[in-house]
Amino acid sequence: MKHALLIVFAGLFSLNLTAADPTFWKDVQPILQNRCVECHRPGEIGPMPLSTFKEARPWAASIKEAVKTRKMPPWFADPHFGKFGNDRSLSEQEISTLSAWAEKGAPEGNAKDAPTPRKFNDGWNIDTPDLVLQMPQPFRIGAKQTVEYQYIVLPTGFTEDKWVRMSETRPSDRAVVHHMVVFARDPKSTWLREAKPGVPFVPDQPGSQINIGGGGNEIVAVYTPGMVPDIWKPNQARLIKAGSDLVLQVHYTATGKDTQDQTKVGMVFSKQPPTERIISTQISNARFAIPPGDPNYEVKASTRIANNVKLLSFFPHMHLRGKDYQYKAIYPNGEEKILLKVPAYNFNWQLAYRPAEELELPAGTRIEGVAHFDNSANNPANPDSAATVKFGEQSWEEMAIGFMDIAIPANVDPRVYLRPAPPQAPRPPAPAAPQL
């Protein structure tokens, strides 16, 4: 009996020793490869590559600090509401392993313990594109320049409809691109026809809200720092009609040095017609005025689903005073459910949140978006706590938009299928019980 207990204690000691003394190749690289290398590799947004021991070792202390404070990997969804297939957050065990590795001097270990290297398509996070369109000329951004939204028209030359299953937007200088929206301009659309193809264009400001929304044209892709490219299931795709142009809506922000950007967009087409069409829609409210000094100003918006849809992705969007954002579904039977809650919105990391399983929304469901803003002096990012803040394009103004990607049948007209349903009439009161 005593001998058996000694064996058990020896085994536990061995397990604790292994957990407390992780090595790079056996314990650390698998975590970095699964959670970090997607961005931390040459040509991507991460400022340093982390694929090998030689690359990661100098950053051991910084890695420990970043994961313990949950600064990295960037992920802001409240874990109490919903499960997400693109969740980048680390488990407590993963955080402990990375921290212990740094504390023990970041030992290398045996390279034979390394996992099979993760393969990436060099230069792209999607399959090799069937088509790449690029801005013909670089756009220059001054060190302290305020840049109005730029619109660049890129003709596709499509002579037939194209279904896009994968797309990726790649700025040549990510540091100055606050965000970018790529629209497919319908051949019948009059939007921005005064813009010359390939030449950056600034529309008249009185129509800025129409321009921000793309003049009613559909979104092909969205770029923000840390955004993962769109890769849909084999039966899903976005439609770009024959004769359409791509229109890049670019929000550039100066970084203190002169630079330039020449963005390109890559697309992979479906090999067969899909059964489901991907559409981007939104919940938005532009009628607000955030009072000076208000630490928790609320803005609400909602929409009612006209027909059955599948909800595939959330993308909340605010600016520097953005504090938190929540999506809630109110189903036709009266049931309410929080679909996504971002309790600490981060302007510098605007992420899409993709449910682990597609959310089936029946006709009549109301989706409500609730945003809060901190316009107080306690917000370190606040440009001016004495200002009354209204809707606008620039970062010192504000937006309260809850974007969503949804799937609808590929053979329907989205303008009809997604037409907002009229509010449900209140139920008449029940007749009074007869008096006996």
Protein backbone atom coordinates (compact mmCIF):
# COMPACT_ATOMS: atom_id res chain seq x y z
CA MET A 1 0.00 0.00 0.00
CA LYS A 2 2.79 2.37 0.99
CA HIS A 3 4.63 1.54 -2.22
CA ALA A 4 1.51 2.30 -4.29
CA LEU A 5 1.07 5.69 -2.62
CA LEU A 6 4.69 6.56 -3.37
CA ILE A 7 4.08 5.78 -7.05
CA VAL A 8 0.97 7.99 -7.09
CA PHE A 9 2.78 10.88 -5.39
CA ALA A 10 5.72 10.49 -7.77
CA GLY A 11 3.35 10.65 -10.72
CA LEU A 12 1.65 13.79 -9.40
CA PHE A 13 5.04 15.40 -8.79
CA SER A 14 6.05 14.58 -12.35
CA LEU A 15 2.84 16.12 -13.74
CA ASN A 16 3.34 19.27 -11.68
CA LEU A 17 6.94 19.51 -12.77
CA THR A 18 5.95 19.25 -16.41
CA ALA A 19 3.23 21.89 -16.00
CA ALA A 20 5.57 24.21 -14.10
CA ASP A 21 8.52 23.85 -16.49
CA PRO A 22 7.16 24.28 -20.01
CA THR A 23 9.50 24.44 -22.98
CA PHE A 24 9.00 26.37 -26.19
CA TRP A 25 8.73 23.54 -28.69
CA LYS A 26 6.57 21.22 -26.63
CA ASP A 27 4.28 23.60 -24.73
CA VAL A 28 4.53 27.17 -26.02
CA GLN A 29 4.70 26.86 -29.80
CA PRO A 30 1.38 24.96 -30.05
CA ILE A 31 -0.37 27.86 -28.29
CA LEU A 32 1.34 30.53 -30.37
CA GLN A 33 0.64 28.60 -33.56
CA ASN A 34 -3.08 28.20 -32.80
CA ARG A 35 -3.74 31.65 -31.34
CA CYS A 36 -1.09 34.14 -32.41
CA VAL A 37 0.85 33.27 -35.58
CA GLU A 38 -2.11 34.12 -37.80
CA CYS A 39 -1.17 37.78 -37.19
CA HIS A 40 2.38 37.41 -35.88
CA ARG A 41 4.16 36.31 -39.05
CA PRO A 42 5.93 38.18 -41.86
CA GLY A 43 3.63 40.44 -43.85
CA GLU A 44 0.80 40.45 -41.30
CA ILE A 45 -0.38 43.00 -38.73
CA GLY A 46 1.57 41.63 -35.75
CA PRO A 47 4.67 43.79 -35.13
CA MET A 48 6.92 40.74 -34.63
CA PRO A 49 6.85 37.12 -35.89
CA LEU A 50 6.44 34.40 -33.27
CA SER A 51 6.75 31.16 -35.26
CA THR A 52 10.14 29.97 -33.98
CA PHE A 53 12.06 29.93 -30.71
CA LYS A 54 14.55 32.46 -32.08
CA GLU A 55 11.70 34.83 -32.95
CA ALA A 56 9.71 34.40 -29.72
CA ARG A 57 12.45 34.17 -27.08
CA PRO A 58 13.26 37.95 -26.95
CA TRP A 59 9.57 38.67 -26.35
CA ALA A 60 8.96 36.18 -23.54
CA ALA A 61 8.35 38.81 -20.84
CA SER A 62 6.13 40.87 -23.14
CA ILE A 63 4.13 37.76 -24.07
CA LYS A 64 3.58 37.01 -20.39
CA GLU A 65 2.38 40.55 -19.68
CA ALA A 66 0.11 40.65 -22.75
CA VAL A 67 -1.65 37.35 -21.99
CA LYS A 68 -2.01 37.87 -18.23
CA THR A 69 -3.71 41.23 -18.80
CA ARG A 70 -5.66 39.66 -21.71
CA LYS A 71 -4.45 42.42 -23.99
CA MET A 72 -3.52 39.68 -26.45
CA PRO A 73 -4.94 37.95 -28.35
CA PRO A 74 -7.56 40.69 -28.88
CA TRP A 75 -11.02 39.40 -27.97
CA PHE A 76 -13.73 41.39 -26.20
CA ALA A 77 -16.90 39.29 -26.17
CA ASP A 78 -18.45 38.56 -22.77
CA PRO A 79 -18.09 34.75 -22.39
CA HIS A 80 -21.46 34.56 -20.60
CA PHE A 81 -23.36 35.29 -23.83
CA GLY A 82 -22.92 33.05 -26.85
CA LYS A 83 -20.16 30.84 -28.20
CA PHE A 84 -18.06 32.04 -31.12
CA GLY A 85 -16.16 30.02 -33.68
CA ASN A 86 -13.43 32.67 -34.05
CA ASP A 87 -12.91 33.13 -30.29
CA ARG A 88 -9.22 33.99 -29.85
CA SER A 89 -9.23 34.18 -26.07
CA LEU A 90 -6.77 31.99 -24.17
CA SER A 91 -7.77 29.49 -21.51
CA GLU A 92 -6.42 29.86 -17.98
CA GLN A 93 -4.20 26.84 -18.63
CA GLU A 94 -2.75 28.45 -21.78
CA ILE A 95 -2.09 31.71 -19.92
CA SER A 96 -0.41 29.78 -17.08
CA THR A 97 1.79 27.89 -19.53
CA LEU A 98 3.00 31.01 -21.33
CA SER A 99 3.56 32.83 -18.03
CA ALA A 100 5.49 29.93 -16.48
CA TRP A 101 7.66 29.64 -19.59
CA ALA A 102 8.68 33.29 -19.30
CA GLU A 103 9.24 33.04 -15.55
CA LYS A 104 11.52 30.01 -15.95
CA GLY A 105 13.79 31.82 -18.38
CA ALA A 106 12.00 30.81 -21.60
CA PRO A 107 13.72 27.43 -22.17
CA GLU A 108 13.83 26.08 -25.71
CA GLY A 109 13.48 22.36 -25.10
CA ASN A 110 13.77 19.77 -27.86
CA ALA A 111 12.78 20.83 -31.37
CA LYS A 112 11.59 17.26 -32.00
CA ASP A 113 8.63 18.03 -29.70
CA ALA A 114 7.34 20.73 -32.06
CA PRO A 115 3.90 20.27 -33.60
CA THR A 116 3.41 20.07 -37.35
CA PRO A 117 3.91 23.65 -38.64
CA ARG A 118 0.72 25.46 -39.54
CA LYS A 119 0.59 26.24 -43.26
CA PHE A 120 -0.36 29.65 -44.59
CA ASN A 121 -0.85 30.94 -48.11
CA ASP A 122 2.05 33.37 -48.41
CA GLY A 123 0.74 36.91 -48.83
CA TRP A 124 -2.89 35.95 -48.22
CA ASN A 125 -5.08 34.54 -45.47
CA ILE A 126 -7.44 33.10 -48.09
CA ASP A 127 -6.81 30.64 -50.89
CA THR A 128 -4.86 32.00 -53.87
CA PRO A 129 -7.24 34.64 -55.27
CA ASP A 130 -8.93 34.17 -58.63
CA LEU A 131 -8.82 37.95 -59.03
CA VAL A 132 -6.82 40.75 -57.40
CA LEU A 133 -7.79 44.40 -57.87
CA GLN A 134 -5.49 47.14 -56.59
CA MET A 135 -5.56 50.92 -56.34
CA PRO A 136 -3.68 52.07 -59.46
CA GLN A 137 -1.65 54.66 -57.56
CA PRO A 138 -0.54 54.97 -53.91
CA PHE A 139 -2.51 57.43 -51.78
CA ARG A 140 -0.30 59.73 -49.70
CA ILE A 141 -1.11 60.56 -46.07
CA GLY A 142 0.69 63.42 -44.34
CA ALA A 143 2.15 63.06 -40.87
CA LYS A 144 -0.58 65.16 -39.23
CA GLN A 145 -3.09 65.35 -42.04
CA THR A 146 -6.85 65.08 -41.51
CA VAL A 147 -8.10 62.97 -44.39
CA GLU A 148 -11.73 62.92 -45.48
CA TYR A 149 -13.18 59.56 -46.42
CA GLN A 150 -11.72 58.55 -49.78
CA TYR A 151 -13.66 56.62 -52.43
CA ILE A 152 -11.76 54.71 -55.11
CA VAL A 153 -13.67 53.04 -57.96
CA LEU A 154 -12.11 49.83 -59.29
CA PRO A 155 -13.86 48.43 -62.40
CA THR A 156 -14.16 44.63 -62.30
CA GLY A 157 -14.71 44.05 -66.00
CA PHE A 158 -17.13 41.23 -65.14
CA THR A 159 -19.18 40.13 -68.13
CA GLU A 160 -21.08 37.59 -66.02
CA ASP A 161 -22.27 37.38 -62.44
CA LYS A 162 -19.65 36.25 -59.92
CA TRP A 163 -20.25 34.54 -56.60
CA VAL A 164 -17.49 35.42 -54.09
CA ARG A 165 -16.82 32.75 -51.47
CA MET A 166 -13.62 34.27 -50.01
CA SER A 167 -12.36 37.84 -49.94
CA GLU A 168 -9.52 39.70 -48.30
CA THR A 169 -8.58 43.38 -48.19
CA ARG A 170 -4.87 44.12 -47.73
CA PRO A 171 -3.65 47.71 -47.23
CA SER A 172 0.04 48.22 -47.97
CA ASP A 173 0.31 50.34 -44.79
CA ARG A 174 -2.12 49.04 -42.18
CA ALA A 175 -1.05 51.65 -39.64
CA VAL A 176 -2.93 54.45 -41.42
CA VAL A 177 -6.08 52.53 -42.41
CA HIS A 178 -8.63 52.96 -39.65
CA HIS A 179 -11.17 50.97 -41.63
CA MET A 180 -12.18 50.17 -45.17
CA VAL A 181 -15.47 49.01 -46.68
CA VAL A 182 -15.55 47.46 -50.14
CA PHE A 183 -18.88 47.89 -51.95
CA ALA A 184 -20.06 46.24 -55.17
CA ARG A 185 -21.66 49.07 -57.12
CA ASP A 186 -24.60 47.74 -59.11
CA PRO A 187 -24.37 48.59 -62.85
CA LYS A 188 -27.72 50.41 -62.53
CA SER A 189 -26.65 52.46 -59.51
CA THR A 190 -26.01 56.20 -59.94
CA TRP A 191 -23.90 56.34 -56.76
CA LEU A 192 -20.57 58.17 -57.22
CA ARG A 193 -20.76 58.13 -61.01
CA GLU A 194 -18.92 61.46 -60.99
CA ALA A 195 -15.82 59.71 -59.63
CA LYS A 196 -13.15 58.75 -62.17
CA PRO A 197 -12.06 55.07 -61.99
CA GLY A 198 -8.91 54.61 -59.93
CA VAL A 199 -8.77 58.25 -58.75
CA PRO A 200 -9.43 58.94 -55.03
CA PHE A 201 -12.61 60.96 -54.70
CA VAL A 202 -14.32 62.93 -51.91
CA PRO A 203 -18.10 63.32 -52.38
CA ASP A 204 -20.07 66.38 -51.39
CA GLN A 205 -20.53 66.35 -47.64
CA PRO A 206 -24.32 67.01 -47.60
CA GLY A 207 -24.74 63.45 -48.86
CA SER A 208 -22.19 61.94 -46.50
CA GLN A 209 -24.63 59.63 -44.73
CA ILE A 210 -25.77 58.19 -48.06
CA ASN A 211 -22.14 57.74 -49.06
CA ILE A 212 -21.21 56.05 -45.78
CA GLY A 213 -23.94 53.51 -46.45
CA GLY A 214 -22.76 52.85 -49.98
CA GLY A 215 -25.75 54.37 -51.71
CA GLY A 216 -27.73 51.20 -51.12
CA ASN A 217 -25.09 48.96 -52.72
CA GLU A 218 -23.97 45.72 -51.14
CA ILE A 219 -20.81 45.15 -49.11
CA VAL A 220 -18.17 42.73 -50.42
CA ALA A 221 -15.65 43.00 -47.59
CA VAL A 222 -14.73 45.05 -44.53
CA TYR A 223 -11.23 45.73 -43.22
CA THR A 224 -10.33 46.82 -39.69
CA PRO A 225 -7.18 46.07 -37.65
CA GLY A 226 -7.26 42.43 -36.60
CA MET A 227 -10.17 41.51 -38.85
CA VAL A 228 -10.10 37.94 -40.18
CA PRO A 229 -10.98 37.64 -43.90
CA ASP A 230 -14.37 36.34 -45.00
CA ILE A 231 -14.36 32.63 -45.83
CA TRP A 232 -17.84 31.22 -46.27
CA LYS A 233 -19.08 27.64 -46.41
CA PRO A 234 -19.05 25.97 -49.87
CA ASN A 235 -22.78 26.63 -50.33
CA GLN A 236 -22.53 30.33 -49.34
CA ALA A 237 -21.23 33.37 -51.24
CA ARG A 238 -21.71 37.06 -51.97
CA LEU A 239 -23.00 38.12 -55.38
CA ILE A 240 -21.25 40.65 -57.63
CA LYS A 241 -23.36 41.27 -60.72
CA ALA A 242 -21.95 41.52 -64.23
CA GLY A 243 -20.89 45.09 -65.00
CA SER A 244 -20.40 46.02 -61.34
CA ASP A 245 -17.52 48.09 -60.00
CA LEU A 246 -15.84 47.77 -56.63
CA VAL A 247 -15.85 50.97 -54.60
CA LEU A 248 -13.33 51.26 -51.77
CA GLN A 249 -14.46 53.51 -48.94
CA VAL A 250 -11.28 54.26 -46.98
CA HIS A 251 -10.90 56.03 -43.66
CA TYR A 252 -7.24 57.06 -43.33
CA THR A 253 -5.82 58.32 -40.03
CA ALA A 254 -2.43 60.06 -39.77
CA THR A 255 0.19 58.41 -37.53
CA GLY A 256 2.76 61.19 -37.16
CA LYS A 257 4.85 60.31 -40.20
CA ASP A 258 4.43 60.76 -43.94
CA THR A 259 3.42 57.54 -45.63
CA GLN A 260 1.32 56.10 -48.44
CA ASP A 261 -1.08 53.22 -49.01
CA GLN A 262 -1.95 51.15 -52.06
CA THR A 263 -4.62 48.67 -51.01
CA LYS A 264 -5.47 45.51 -52.93
CA VAL A 265 -8.51 43.24 -52.74
CA GLY A 266 -8.37 39.51 -53.47
CA MET A 267 -11.38 37.32 -54.24
CA VAL A 268 -11.96 33.59 -54.61
CA PHE A 269 -15.04 32.68 -56.65
CA SER A 270 -17.42 29.80 -56.01
CA LYS A 271 -16.96 26.92 -58.39
CA GLN A 272 -20.73 26.31 -58.42
CA PRO A 273 -23.78 28.48 -57.70
CA PRO A 274 -24.44 28.65 -53.95
CA THR A 275 -27.73 27.89 -52.24
CA GLU A 276 -27.32 30.75 -49.75
CA ARG A 277 -26.47 34.38 -50.44
CA ILE A 278 -24.51 36.41 -47.89
CA ILE A 279 -25.78 39.93 -47.22
CA SER A 280 -24.48 42.57 -44.81
CA THR A 281 -27.10 44.54 -42.95
CA GLN A 282 -27.06 46.84 -39.96
CA ILE A 283 -28.83 48.30 -36.97
CA SER A 284 -28.01 51.99 -36.84
CA ASN A 285 -29.07 55.25 -35.24
CA ALA A 286 -27.57 58.56 -36.39
CA ARG A 287 -29.90 60.81 -34.39
CA PHE A 288 -28.06 61.40 -31.16
CA ALA A 289 -26.18 64.16 -29.38
CA ILE A 290 -23.88 63.01 -26.58
CA PRO A 291 -23.77 65.74 -23.89
CA PRO A 292 -20.43 67.08 -22.64
CA GLY A 293 -19.00 65.03 -19.80
CA ASP A 294 -21.62 62.26 -19.98
CA PRO A 295 -19.91 59.00 -18.88
CA ASN A 296 -22.62 56.56 -19.99
CA TYR A 297 -24.77 57.96 -22.81
CA GLU A 298 -27.06 55.35 -24.37
CA VAL A 299 -28.03 54.98 -28.02
CA LYS A 300 -30.51 52.33 -29.15
CA ALA A 301 -31.52 51.02 -32.56
CA SER A 302 -33.51 48.04 -33.78
CA THR A 303 -34.83 46.25 -36.83
CA ARG A 304 -37.42 43.55 -37.40
CA ILE A 305 -36.60 40.51 -39.53
CA ALA A 306 -39.12 40.18 -42.36
CA ASN A 307 -38.34 36.56 -43.29
CA ASN A 308 -36.33 33.66 -41.89
CA VAL A 309 -32.56 34.29 -41.99
CA LYS A 310 -29.36 32.81 -40.61
CA LEU A 311 -27.18 35.21 -38.63
CA LEU A 312 -23.50 34.50 -39.30
CA SER A 313 -21.52 37.41 -37.89
CA PHE A 314 -21.68 40.52 -35.68
CA PHE A 315 -19.53 43.61 -36.13
CA PRO A 316 -20.19 46.51 -33.71
CA HIS A 317 -18.77 49.86 -34.78
CA MET A 318 -18.20 53.01 -32.70
CA HIS A 319 -15.39 55.55 -32.38
CA LEU A 320 -13.18 56.88 -29.57
CA ARG A 321 -15.96 57.38 -27.03
CA GLY A 322 -17.42 53.90 -27.61
CA LYS A 323 -17.80 52.11 -24.28
CA ASP A 324 -19.83 48.94 -24.84
CA TYR A 325 -22.22 47.35 -27.33
CA GLN A 326 -24.90 44.68 -27.09
CA TYR A 327 -27.04 42.75 -29.59
CA LYS A 328 -30.32 41.29 -28.31
CA ALA A 329 -32.97 39.22 -30.07
CA ILE A 330 -36.65 39.53 -29.19
CA TYR A 331 -38.33 36.50 -30.76
CA PRO A 332 -41.95 36.42 -32.02
CA ASN A 333 -43.00 34.40 -28.95
CA GLY A 334 -41.74 37.17 -26.66
CA GLU A 335 -38.56 35.38 -25.59
CA GLU A 336 -35.51 37.66 -25.26
CA LYS A 337 -31.88 36.60 -25.62
CA ILE A 338 -28.58 38.50 -25.58
CA LEU A 339 -26.66 37.31 -28.66
CA LEU A 340 -23.43 39.25 -28.10
CA LYS A 341 -22.18 41.58 -25.41
CA VAL A 342 -18.95 43.57 -25.78
CA PRO A 343 -18.51 45.12 -22.32
CA ALA A 344 -15.23 46.91 -23.13
CA TYR A 345 -15.31 48.15 -26.71
CA ASN A 346 -11.84 48.82 -28.13
CA PHE A 347 -11.61 51.37 -30.93
CA ASN A 348 -8.16 50.08 -31.94
CA TRP A 349 -9.32 46.47 -32.35
CA GLN A 350 -12.66 46.36 -34.15
CA LEU A 351 -13.48 42.70 -34.47
CA ALA A 352 -16.14 40.54 -36.06
CA TYR A 353 -17.75 37.94 -33.81
CA ARG A 354 -18.93 34.79 -35.59
CA PRO A 355 -21.27 32.43 -33.72
CA ALA A 356 -19.97 28.88 -33.43
CA GLU A 357 -23.30 27.75 -34.89
CA GLU A 358 -25.38 29.79 -37.31
CA LEU A 359 -28.24 31.53 -35.49
CA GLU A 360 -31.64 30.79 -36.99
CA LEU A 361 -33.82 33.89 -36.76
CA PRO A 362 -37.51 33.35 -37.58
CA ALA A 363 -39.57 35.97 -39.37
CA GLY A 364 -40.78 38.62 -36.96
CA THR A 365 -37.68 38.55 -34.75
CA ARG A 366 -36.57 42.00 -33.62
CA ILE A 367 -32.84 42.64 -33.24
CA GLU A 368 -31.95 45.45 -30.86
CA GLY A 369 -28.55 47.14 -30.62
CA VAL A 370 -27.62 49.10 -27.49
CA ALA A 371 -24.48 51.25 -27.39
CA HIS A 372 -23.00 53.29 -24.54
CA PHE A 373 -20.51 56.14 -24.87
CA ASP A 374 -18.10 57.70 -22.40
CA ASN A 375 -17.73 61.43 -23.14
CA SER A 376 -16.19 62.19 -19.75
CA ALA A 377 -12.69 63.35 -18.89
CA ASN A 378 -12.10 59.89 -17.37
CA ASN A 379 -12.00 58.39 -20.86
CA PRO A 380 -8.30 58.64 -21.84
CA ALA A 381 -9.17 58.33 -25.54
CA ASN A 382 -11.72 61.17 -25.46
CA PRO A 383 -10.65 63.95 -27.87
CA ASP A 384 -12.74 66.61 -26.08
CA SER A 385 -14.98 65.95 -23.07
CA ALA A 386 -16.45 69.48 -23.38
CA ALA A 387 -17.89 68.77 -26.83
CA THR A 388 -21.43 67.77 -27.74
CA VAL A 389 -20.83 64.78 -29.98
CA LYS A 390 -23.01 63.89 -32.95
CA PHE A 391 -22.93 61.33 -35.74
CA GLY A 392 -20.04 61.79 -38.18
CA GLU A 393 -17.33 60.14 -40.22
CA GLN A 394 -14.25 61.24 -38.32
CA SER A 395 -12.89 59.58 -35.18
CA TRP A 396 -13.67 62.61 -32.98
CA GLU A 397 -17.31 62.26 -34.02
CA GLU A 398 -19.33 59.12 -33.29
CA MET A 399 -21.24 56.22 -34.80
CA ALA A 400 -23.52 53.61 -33.27
CA ILE A 401 -23.77 50.83 -35.84
CA GLY A 402 -24.32 47.14 -35.33
CA PHE A 403 -23.37 45.39 -38.57
CA MET A 404 -24.52 41.81 -39.19
CA ASP A 405 -23.81 39.25 -41.89
CA ILE A 406 -26.79 37.08 -42.69
CA ALA A 407 -27.57 34.23 -45.10
CA ILE A 408 -30.73 34.19 -47.20
CA PRO A 409 -31.85 31.89 -50.04
CA ALA A 410 -29.74 32.56 -53.13
CA ASN A 411 -32.75 32.68 -55.44
CA VAL A 412 -34.62 35.57 -53.78
CA ASP A 413 -34.42 39.33 -54.28
CA PRO A 414 -32.90 40.68 -51.03
CA ARG A 415 -34.63 44.05 -51.48
CA VAL A 416 -37.95 42.26 -51.20
CA TYR A 417 -36.95 39.46 -48.85
CA LEU A 418 -35.32 41.81 -46.32
CA ARG A 419 -37.86 44.62 -46.56
CA PRO A 420 -38.54 45.66 -42.94
CA ALA A 421 -41.63 44.01 -41.58
CA PRO A 422 -44.32 46.34 -40.25
CA PRO A 423 -44.59 46.54 -36.47
CA GLN A 424 -46.83 43.91 -35.01
CA ALA A 425 -50.21 45.25 -33.96
CA PRO A 426 -50.83 45.03 -30.22
CA ARG A 427 -53.04 42.19 -29.20
CA PRO A 428 -56.55 43.23 -28.22
CA PRO A 429 -57.28 42.87 -24.52
CA ALA A 430 -58.92 39.65 -23.45
CA PRO A 431 -62.67 39.98 -22.94
CA ALA A 432 -63.71 40.46 -19.38
CA ALA A 433 -64.93 37.35 -17.61
CA PRO A 434 -68.74 37.21 -17.34
CA GLN A 435 -70.05 38.17 -13.95
CA LEU A 436 -72.08 35.56 -12.23
